[in-house]
Amino acid sequence: RVKITGIPIKVKKSKKLPIYDIHVKALHCE
């Protein structure tokens, strides 16, 4: 079990549509 402090970022998955997946860029993981 982890506690994550980070920034949600969007990553484009579709080449045709402006739709994104949300991932988290972690600054700290405890």
Full PDB file with SEQRES, HELIX, SHEET, SSBOND, CRYST1, ORIGX, SCALE, CONECT and MASTER records, all heavy atoms in Angstrom:
SEQRES   1 A   30  ARG VAL LYS ILE THR GLY ILE PRO ILE LYS VAL LYS LYS          
SEQRES   2 A   30  SER LYS LYS LEU PRO ILE TYR ASP ILE HIS VAL LYS ALA          
SEQRES   3 A   30  LEU HIS CYS GLU                                              
SHEET    1 AA1 2 ILE A   4  LYS A  12  0                                        
SHEET    2 AA1 2 TYR A  20  CYS A  29 -1                                        
CRYST1    1.000    1.000    1.000  90.00  90.00  90.00 P 1           1          
ORIGX1      1.000000  0.000000  0.000000        0.00000                         
ORIGX2      0.000000  1.000000  0.000000        0.00000                         
ORIGX3      0.000000  0.000000  1.000000        0.00000                         
SCALE1      1.000000  0.000000  0.000000        0.00000                         
SCALE2      0.000000  1.000000  0.000000        0.00000                         
SCALE3      0.000000  0.000000  1.000000        0.00000                         
ATOM      1  N   ARG A   1       0.868  -1.186   0.000  1.00  0.00           N  
ATOM      2  CA  ARG A   1       0.000   0.000   0.000  1.00  0.00           C  
ATOM      3  C   ARG A   1       0.900   1.230   0.000  1.00  0.00           C  
ATOM      4  O   ARG A   1       1.851   1.301   0.791  1.00  0.00           O  
ATOM      5  CB  ARG A   1      -0.905  -0.031   1.229  1.00  0.00           C  
ATOM      6  CG  ARG A   1      -1.985   1.056   1.237  1.00  0.00           C  
ATOM      7  CD  ARG A   1      -3.004   0.736   2.305  1.00  0.00           C  
ATOM      8  NE  ARG A   1      -3.989   1.796   2.458  1.00  0.00           N  
ATOM      9  CZ  ARG A   1      -5.276   1.579   2.678  1.00  0.00           C  
ATOM     10  NH1 ARG A   1      -5.726   0.343   2.734  1.00  0.00           N  
ATOM     11  NH2 ARG A   1      -6.120   2.575   2.837  1.00  0.00           N  
ATOM     12  N   VAL A   2       0.616   2.181  -0.884  1.00  0.00           N  
ATOM     13  CA  VAL A   2       1.475   3.360  -1.011  1.00  0.00           C  
ATOM     14  C   VAL A   2       0.660   4.641  -0.912  1.00  0.00           C  
ATOM     15  O   VAL A   2      -0.536   4.659  -1.201  1.00  0.00           O  
ATOM     16  CB  VAL A   2       2.253   3.347  -2.353  1.00  0.00           C  
ATOM     17  CG1 VAL A   2       3.304   2.265  -2.370  1.00  0.00           C  
ATOM     18  CG2 VAL A   2       1.308   3.200  -3.541  1.00  0.00           C  
ATOM     19  N   LYS A   3       1.358   5.712  -0.474  1.00  0.00           N  
ATOM     20  CA  LYS A   3       0.747   7.050  -0.478  1.00  0.00           C  
ATOM     21  C   LYS A   3       1.533   7.870  -1.490  1.00  0.00           C  
ATOM     22  O   LYS A   3       2.752   8.009  -1.365  1.00  0.00           O  
ATOM     23  CB  LYS A   3       0.793   7.696   0.904  1.00  0.00           C  
ATOM     24  CG  LYS A   3       0.102   9.058   0.940  1.00  0.00           C  
ATOM     25  CD  LYS A   3      -0.194   9.525   2.357  1.00  0.00           C  
ATOM     26  CE  LYS A   3       1.043  10.016   3.065  1.00  0.00           C  
ATOM     27  NZ  LYS A   3       0.750  10.657   4.350  1.00  0.00           N  
ATOM     28  N   ILE A   4       0.831   8.372  -2.497  1.00  0.00           N  
ATOM     29  CA  ILE A   4       1.484   9.065  -3.602  1.00  0.00           C  
ATOM     30  C   ILE A   4       1.121  10.540  -3.584  1.00  0.00           C  
ATOM     31  O   ILE A   4      -0.050  10.912  -3.472  1.00  0.00           O  
ATOM     32  CB  ILE A   4       1.084   8.422  -4.950  1.00  0.00           C  
ATOM     33  CG1 ILE A   4       1.698   7.021  -5.040  1.00  0.00           C  
ATOM     34  CG2 ILE A   4       1.535   9.279  -6.130  1.00  0.00           C  
ATOM     35  CD1 ILE A   4       1.062   6.134  -6.059  1.00  0.00           C  
ATOM     36  N   THR A   5       2.157  11.386  -3.665  1.00  0.00           N  
ATOM     37  CA  THR A   5       1.967  12.819  -3.845  1.00  0.00           C  
ATOM     38  C   THR A   5       2.446  13.124  -5.254  1.00  0.00           C  
ATOM     39  O   THR A   5       3.597  12.831  -5.600  1.00  0.00           O  
ATOM     40  CB  THR A   5       2.801  13.628  -2.826  1.00  0.00           C  
ATOM     41  OG1 THR A   5       2.560  13.100  -1.513  1.00  0.00           O  
ATOM     42  CG2 THR A   5       2.427  15.094  -2.858  1.00  0.00           C  
ATOM     43  N   GLY A   6       1.560  13.664  -6.089  1.00  0.00           N  
ATOM     44  CA  GLY A   6       1.960  13.867  -7.472  1.00  0.00           C  
ATOM     45  C   GLY A   6       1.044  14.811  -8.226  1.00  0.00           C  
ATOM     46  O   GLY A   6       0.120  15.423  -7.658  1.00  0.00           O  
ATOM     47  N   ILE A   7       1.308  14.907  -9.538  1.00  0.00           N  
ATOM     48  CA  ILE A   7       0.561  15.829 -10.400  1.00  0.00           C  
ATOM     49  C   ILE A   7      -0.159  15.028 -11.483  1.00  0.00           C  
ATOM     50  O   ILE A   7       0.499  14.340 -12.271  1.00  0.00           O  
ATOM     51  CB  ILE A   7       1.519  16.842 -11.071  1.00  0.00           C  
ATOM     52  CG1 ILE A   7       2.396  17.541 -10.013  1.00  0.00           C  
ATOM     53  CG2 ILE A   7       0.747  17.860 -11.892  1.00  0.00           C  
ATOM     54  CD1 ILE A   7       3.583  18.289 -10.596  1.00  0.00           C  
ATOM     55  N   PRO A   8      -1.496  15.066 -11.529  1.00  0.00           N  
ATOM     56  CA  PRO A   8      -2.214  14.406 -12.625  1.00  0.00           C  
ATOM     57  C   PRO A   8      -1.883  15.084 -13.960  1.00  0.00           C  
ATOM     58  O   PRO A   8      -1.906  16.318 -14.058  1.00  0.00           O  
ATOM     59  CB  PRO A   8      -3.694  14.588 -12.265  1.00  0.00           C  
ATOM     60  CG  PRO A   8      -3.696  14.870 -10.796  1.00  0.00           C  
ATOM     61  CD  PRO A   8      -2.431  15.628 -10.537  1.00  0.00           C  
ATOM     62  N   ILE A   9      -1.553  14.268 -14.960  1.00  0.00           N  
ATOM     63  CA  ILE A   9      -1.207  14.795 -16.286  1.00  0.00           C  
ATOM     64  C   ILE A   9      -2.046  14.073 -17.327  1.00  0.00           C  
ATOM     65  O   ILE A   9      -2.504  12.958 -17.096  1.00  0.00           O  
ATOM     66  CB  ILE A   9       0.296  14.608 -16.583  1.00  0.00           C  
ATOM     67  CG1 ILE A   9       0.689  13.145 -16.357  1.00  0.00           C  
ATOM     68  CG2 ILE A   9       1.155  15.539 -15.769  1.00  0.00           C  
ATOM     69  CD1 ILE A   9       2.099  12.798 -16.716  1.00  0.00           C  
ATOM     70  N   LYS A  10      -2.225  14.710 -18.469  1.00  0.00           N  
ATOM     71  CA  LYS A  10      -3.015  14.067 -19.526  1.00  0.00           C  
ATOM     72  C   LYS A  10      -2.070  13.541 -20.608  1.00  0.00           C  
ATOM     73  O   LYS A  10      -1.075  14.179 -20.955  1.00  0.00           O  
ATOM     74  CB  LYS A  10      -4.052  15.030 -20.104  1.00  0.00           C  
ATOM     75  CG  LYS A  10      -3.506  16.264 -20.787  1.00  0.00           C  
ATOM     76  CD  LYS A  10      -4.656  17.131 -21.268  1.00  0.00           C  
ATOM     77  CE  LYS A  10      -4.201  18.251 -22.191  1.00  0.00           C  
ATOM     78  NZ  LYS A  10      -3.401  19.268 -21.542  1.00  0.00           N  
ATOM     79  N   VAL A  11      -2.408  12.346 -21.111  1.00  0.00           N  
ATOM     80  CA  VAL A  11      -1.628  11.729 -22.181  1.00  0.00           C  
ATOM     81  C   VAL A  11      -2.598  11.369 -23.298  1.00  0.00           C  
ATOM     82  O   VAL A  11      -3.570  10.644 -23.074  1.00  0.00           O  
ATOM     83  CB  VAL A  11      -0.895  10.454 -21.678  1.00  0.00           C  
ATOM     84  CG1 VAL A  11      -0.129   9.799 -22.824  1.00  0.00           C  
ATOM     85  CG2 VAL A  11       0.038  10.798 -20.535  1.00  0.00           C  
ATOM     86  N   LYS A  12      -2.328  11.900 -24.519  1.00  0.00           N  
ATOM     87  CA  LYS A  12      -3.237  11.668 -25.635  1.00  0.00           C  
ATOM     88  C   LYS A  12      -3.082  10.249 -26.150  1.00  0.00           C  
ATOM     89  O   LYS A  12      -1.993   9.781 -26.434  1.00  0.00           O  
ATOM     90  CB  LYS A  12      -2.978  12.668 -26.756  1.00  0.00           C  
ATOM     91  CG  LYS A  12      -4.088  12.686 -27.810  1.00  0.00           C  
ATOM     92  CD  LYS A  12      -3.964  13.868 -28.746  1.00  0.00           C  
ATOM     93  CE  LYS A  12      -5.159  13.909 -29.695  1.00  0.00           C  
ATOM     94  NZ  LYS A  12      -5.114  15.035 -30.615  1.00  0.00           N  
ATOM     95  N   LYS A  13      -4.215   9.548 -26.257  1.00  0.00           N  
ATOM     96  CA  LYS A  13      -4.206   8.170 -26.736  1.00  0.00           C  
ATOM     97  C   LYS A  13      -4.813   8.060 -28.135  1.00  0.00           C  
ATOM     98  O   LYS A  13      -4.451   7.198 -28.912  1.00  0.00           O  
ATOM     99  CB  LYS A  13      -4.989   7.272 -25.761  1.00  0.00           C  
ATOM    100  CG  LYS A  13      -4.247   6.961 -24.481  1.00  0.00           C  
ATOM    101  CD  LYS A  13      -3.060   6.067 -24.764  1.00  0.00           C  
ATOM    102  CE  LYS A  13      -2.278   5.781 -23.490  1.00  0.00           C  
ATOM    103  NZ  LYS A  13      -1.120   4.934 -23.748  1.00  0.00           N  
ATOM    104  N   SER A  14      -5.755   8.936 -28.425  1.00  0.00           N  
ATOM    105  CA  SER A  14      -6.431   8.881 -29.722  1.00  0.00           C  
ATOM    106  C   SER A  14      -5.810   9.897 -30.681  1.00  0.00           C  
ATOM    107  O   SER A  14      -5.631  11.064 -30.341  1.00  0.00           O  
ATOM    108  CB  SER A  14      -7.925   9.173 -29.551  1.00  0.00           C  
ATOM    109  OG  SER A  14      -8.547   9.310 -30.807  1.00  0.00           O  
ATOM    110  N   LYS A  15      -5.463   9.431 -31.887  1.00  0.00           N  
ATOM    111  CA  LYS A  15      -4.884  10.331 -32.892  1.00  0.00           C  
ATOM    112  C   LYS A  15      -5.970  11.178 -33.560  1.00  0.00           C  
ATOM    113  O   LYS A  15      -5.712  12.268 -34.050  1.00  0.00           O  
ATOM    114  CB  LYS A  15      -4.131   9.527 -33.946  1.00  0.00           C  
ATOM    115  CG  LYS A  15      -2.854   8.895 -33.407  1.00  0.00           C  
ATOM    116  CD  LYS A  15      -2.133   8.112 -34.489  1.00  0.00           C  
ATOM    117  CE  LYS A  15      -0.858   7.482 -33.933  1.00  0.00           C  
ATOM    118  NZ  LYS A  15      -0.156   6.660 -34.954  1.00  0.00           N  
ATOM    119  N   LYS A  16      -7.191  10.662 -33.571  1.00  0.00           N  
ATOM    120  CA  LYS A  16      -8.284  11.338 -34.274  1.00  0.00           C  
ATOM    121  C   LYS A  16      -9.070  12.290 -33.376  1.00  0.00           C  
ATOM    122  O   LYS A  16      -9.551  13.321 -33.823  1.00  0.00           O  
ATOM    123  CB  LYS A  16      -9.241  10.296 -34.870  1.00  0.00           C  
ATOM    124  CG  LYS A  16      -8.583   9.423 -35.952  1.00  0.00           C  
ATOM    125  CD  LYS A  16      -9.567   8.401 -36.486  1.00  0.00           C  
ATOM    126  CE  LYS A  16      -8.919   7.515 -37.557  1.00  0.00           C  
ATOM    127  NZ  LYS A  16      -9.859   6.488 -38.057  1.00  0.00           N  
ATOM    128  N   LEU A  17      -9.221  11.907 -32.104  1.00  0.00           N  
ATOM    129  CA  LEU A  17     -10.076  12.698 -31.208  1.00  0.00           C  
ATOM    130  C   LEU A  17      -9.255  13.349 -30.092  1.00  0.00           C  
ATOM    131  O   LEU A  17      -8.259  12.787 -29.634  1.00  0.00           O  
ATOM    132  CB  LEU A  17     -11.148  11.793 -30.584  1.00  0.00           C  
ATOM    133  CG  LEU A  17     -12.111  11.111 -31.567  1.00  0.00           C  
ATOM    134  CD1 LEU A  17     -12.933  10.063 -30.843  1.00  0.00           C  
ATOM    135  CD2 LEU A  17     -13.021  12.131 -32.238  1.00  0.00           C  
ATOM    136  N   PRO A  18      -9.705  14.530 -29.605  1.00  0.00           N  
ATOM    137  CA  PRO A  18      -8.988  15.196 -28.503  1.00  0.00           C  
ATOM    138  C   PRO A  18      -9.367  14.586 -27.149  1.00  0.00           C  
ATOM    139  O   PRO A  18      -9.904  15.260 -26.264  1.00  0.00           O  
ATOM    140  CB  PRO A  18      -9.448  16.655 -28.626  1.00  0.00           C  
ATOM    141  CG  PRO A  18     -10.831  16.542 -29.201  1.00  0.00           C  
ATOM    142  CD  PRO A  18     -10.825  15.347 -30.105  1.00  0.00           C  
ATOM    143  N   ILE A  19      -9.125  13.273 -27.020  1.00  0.00           N  
ATOM    144  CA  ILE A  19      -9.463  12.553 -25.787  1.00  0.00           C  
ATOM    145  C   ILE A  19      -8.163  12.044 -25.164  1.00  0.00           C  
ATOM    146  O   ILE A  19      -7.278  11.542 -25.867  1.00  0.00           O  
ATOM    147  CB  ILE A  19     -10.424  11.380 -26.079  1.00  0.00           C  
ATOM    148  CG1 ILE A  19     -11.757  11.930 -26.615  1.00  0.00           C  
ATOM    149  CG2 ILE A  19     -10.667  10.550 -24.827  1.00  0.00           C  
ATOM    150  CD1 ILE A  19     -12.718  10.883 -27.093  1.00  0.00           C  
ATOM    151  N   TYR A  20      -8.082  12.153 -23.827  1.00  0.00           N  
ATOM    152  CA  TYR A  20      -6.830  11.842 -23.136  1.00  0.00           C  
ATOM    153  C   TYR A  20      -7.039  10.830 -22.009  1.00  0.00           C  
ATOM    154  O   TYR A  20      -8.148  10.687 -21.488  1.00  0.00           O  
ATOM    155  CB  TYR A  20      -6.240  13.126 -22.529  1.00  0.00           C  
ATOM    156  CG  TYR A  20      -5.985  14.224 -23.540  1.00  0.00           C  
ATOM    157  CD1 TYR A  20      -7.017  15.091 -23.925  1.00  0.00           C  
ATOM    158  CD2 TYR A  20      -4.733  14.403 -24.091  1.00  0.00           C  
ATOM    159  CE1 TYR A  20      -6.798  16.102 -24.857  1.00  0.00           C  
ATOM    160  CE2 TYR A  20      -4.493  15.413 -25.024  1.00  0.00           C  
ATOM    161  CZ  TYR A  20      -5.530  16.254 -25.396  1.00  0.00           C  
ATOM    162  OH  TYR A  20      -5.302  17.240 -26.309  1.00  0.00           O  
ATOM    163  N   ASP A  21      -5.961  10.154 -21.646  1.00  0.00           N  
ATOM    164  CA  ASP A  21      -5.925   9.351 -20.418  1.00  0.00           C  
ATOM    165  C   ASP A  21      -5.264  10.203 -19.345  1.00  0.00           C  
ATOM    166  O   ASP A  21      -4.377  11.016 -19.645  1.00  0.00           O  
ATOM    167  CB  ASP A  21      -5.104   8.074 -20.624  1.00  0.00           C  
ATOM    168  CG  ASP A  21      -5.886   7.006 -21.369  1.00  0.00           C  
ATOM    169  OD1 ASP A  21      -7.117   7.156 -21.477  1.00  0.00           O  
ATOM    170  OD2 ASP A  21      -5.269   6.041 -21.846  1.00  0.00           O  
ATOM    171  N   ILE A  22      -5.686  10.000 -18.097  1.00  0.00           N  
ATOM    172  CA  ILE A  22      -5.048  10.722 -16.983  1.00  0.00           C  
ATOM    173  C   ILE A  22      -4.099   9.767 -16.259  1.00  0.00           C  
ATOM    174  O   ILE A  22      -4.479   8.670 -15.865  1.00  0.00           O  
ATOM    175  CB  ILE A  22      -6.091  11.291 -15.991  1.00  0.00           C  
ATOM    176  CG1 ILE A  22      -6.969  12.332 -16.688  1.00  0.00           C  
ATOM    177  CG2 ILE A  22      -5.392  11.927 -14.788  1.00  0.00           C  
ATOM    178  CD1 ILE A  22      -8.047  12.937 -15.800  1.00  0.00           C  
ATOM    179  N   HIS A  23      -2.856  10.183 -16.123  1.00  0.00           N  
ATOM    180  CA  HIS A  23      -1.862   9.463 -15.327  1.00  0.00           C  
ATOM    181  C   HIS A  23      -1.354  10.419 -14.251  1.00  0.00           C  
ATOM    182  O   HIS A  23      -1.699  11.608 -14.250  1.00  0.00           O  
ATOM    183  CB  HIS A  23      -0.701   8.978 -16.197  1.00  0.00           C  
ATOM    184  CG  HIS A  23      -1.146   8.091 -17.329  1.00  0.00           C  
ATOM    185  ND1 HIS A  23      -2.095   7.109 -17.182  1.00  0.00           N  
ATOM    186  CD2 HIS A  23      -0.764   8.046 -18.642  1.00  0.00           C  
ATOM    187  CE1 HIS A  23      -2.288   6.495 -18.336  1.00  0.00           C  
ATOM    188  NE2 HIS A  23      -1.496   7.049 -19.244  1.00  0.00           N  
ATOM    189  N   VAL A  24      -0.516   9.914 -13.358  1.00  0.00           N  
ATOM    190  CA  VAL A  24       0.028  10.766 -12.295  1.00  0.00           C  
ATOM    191  C   VAL A  24       1.551  10.735 -12.341  1.00  0.00           C  
ATOM    192  O   VAL A  24       2.161   9.664 -12.356  1.00  0.00           O  
ATOM    193  CB  VAL A  24      -0.468  10.315 -10.896  1.00  0.00           C  
ATOM    194  CG1 VAL A  24       0.249  11.086  -9.797  1.00  0.00           C  
ATOM    195  CG2 VAL A  24      -1.978  10.532 -10.776  1.00  0.00           C  
ATOM    196  N   LYS A  25       2.123  11.911 -12.376  1.00  0.00           N  
ATOM    197  CA  LYS A  25       3.586  12.042 -12.292  1.00  0.00           C  
ATOM    198  C   LYS A  25       3.905  12.225 -10.809  1.00  0.00           C  
ATOM    199  O   LYS A  25       3.584  13.261 -10.222  1.00  0.00           O  
ATOM    200  CB  LYS A  25       4.035  13.252 -13.110  1.00  0.00           C  
ATOM    201  CG  LYS A  25       5.540  13.421 -13.173  1.00  0.00           C  
ATOM    202  CD  LYS A  25       5.881  14.650 -14.008  1.00  0.00           C  
ATOM    203  CE  LYS A  25       7.364  14.919 -14.003  1.00  0.00           C  
ATOM    204  NZ  LYS A  25       7.700  16.149 -14.747  1.00  0.00           N  
ATOM    205  N   ALA A  26       4.482  11.212 -10.200  1.00  0.00           N  
ATOM    206  CA  ALA A  26       4.694  11.226  -8.748  1.00  0.00           C  
ATOM    207  C   ALA A  26       5.891  12.083  -8.368  1.00  0.00           C  
ATOM    208  O   ALA A  26       6.944  12.017  -9.001  1.00  0.00           O  
ATOM    209  CB  ALA A  26       4.882   9.811  -8.235  1.00  0.00           C  
ATOM    210  N   LEU A  27       5.716  12.875  -7.333  1.00  0.00           N  
ATOM    211  CA  LEU A  27       6.825  13.636  -6.753  1.00  0.00           C  
ATOM    212  C   LEU A  27       7.367  12.901  -5.541  1.00  0.00           C  
ATOM    213  O   LEU A  27       8.528  13.053  -5.180  1.00  0.00           O  
ATOM    214  CB  LEU A  27       6.351  15.031  -6.346  1.00  0.00           C  
ATOM    215  CG  LEU A  27       5.771  15.894  -7.483  1.00  0.00           C  
ATOM    216  CD1 LEU A  27       5.193  17.175  -6.927  1.00  0.00           C  
ATOM    217  CD2 LEU A  27       6.839  16.199  -8.527  1.00  0.00           C  
ATOM    218  N   HIS A  28       6.492  12.092  -4.922  1.00  0.00           N  
ATOM    219  CA  HIS A  28       6.914  11.311  -3.753  1.00  0.00           C  
ATOM    220  C   HIS A  28       6.020  10.084  -3.636  1.00  0.00           C  
ATOM    221  O   HIS A  28       4.811  10.167  -3.871  1.00  0.00           O  
ATOM    222  CB  HIS A  28       6.802  12.151  -2.479  1.00  0.00           C  
ATOM    223  CG  HIS A  28       7.321  11.457  -1.244  1.00  0.00           C  
ATOM    224  ND1 HIS A  28       8.656  11.203  -1.048  1.00  0.00           N  
ATOM    225  CD2 HIS A  28       6.676  10.948  -0.171  1.00  0.00           C  
ATOM    226  CE1 HIS A  28       8.818  10.575   0.106  1.00  0.00           C  
ATOM    227  NE2 HIS A  28       7.627  10.409   0.656  1.00  0.00           N  
ATOM    228  N   CYS A  29       6.612   8.951  -3.321  1.00  0.00           N  
ATOM    229  CA  CYS A  29       5.849   7.713  -3.125  1.00  0.00           C  
ATOM    230  C   CYS A  29       6.318   7.056  -1.836  1.00  0.00           C  
ATOM    231  O   CYS A  29       7.481   6.667  -1.719  1.00  0.00           O  
ATOM    232  CB  CYS A  29       6.055   6.766  -4.314  1.00  0.00           C  
ATOM    233  SG  CYS A  29       5.120   5.229  -4.171  1.00  0.00           S  
ATOM    234  N   GLU A  30       5.426   6.981  -0.884  1.00  0.00           N  
ATOM    235  CA  GLU A  30       5.757   6.429   0.436  1.00  0.00           C  
ATOM    236  C   GLU A  30       5.063   5.086   0.617  1.00  0.00           C  
ATOM    237  O   GLU A  30       3.848   4.975   0.431  1.00  0.00           O  
ATOM    238  CB  GLU A  30       5.295   7.414   1.517  1.00  0.00           C  
ATOM    239  CG  GLU A  30       5.547   6.955   2.931  1.00  0.00           C  
ATOM    240  CD  GLU A  30       4.932   7.886   3.969  1.00  0.00           C  
ATOM    241  OE1 GLU A  30       4.420   8.969   3.595  1.00  0.00           O  
ATOM    242  OE2 GLU A  30       4.948   7.528   5.157  1.00  0.00           O  
TER     243      GLU A  30                                                      
MASTER        0    0    0    0    2    0    0    6  242    1    0    3          
END                                                                             
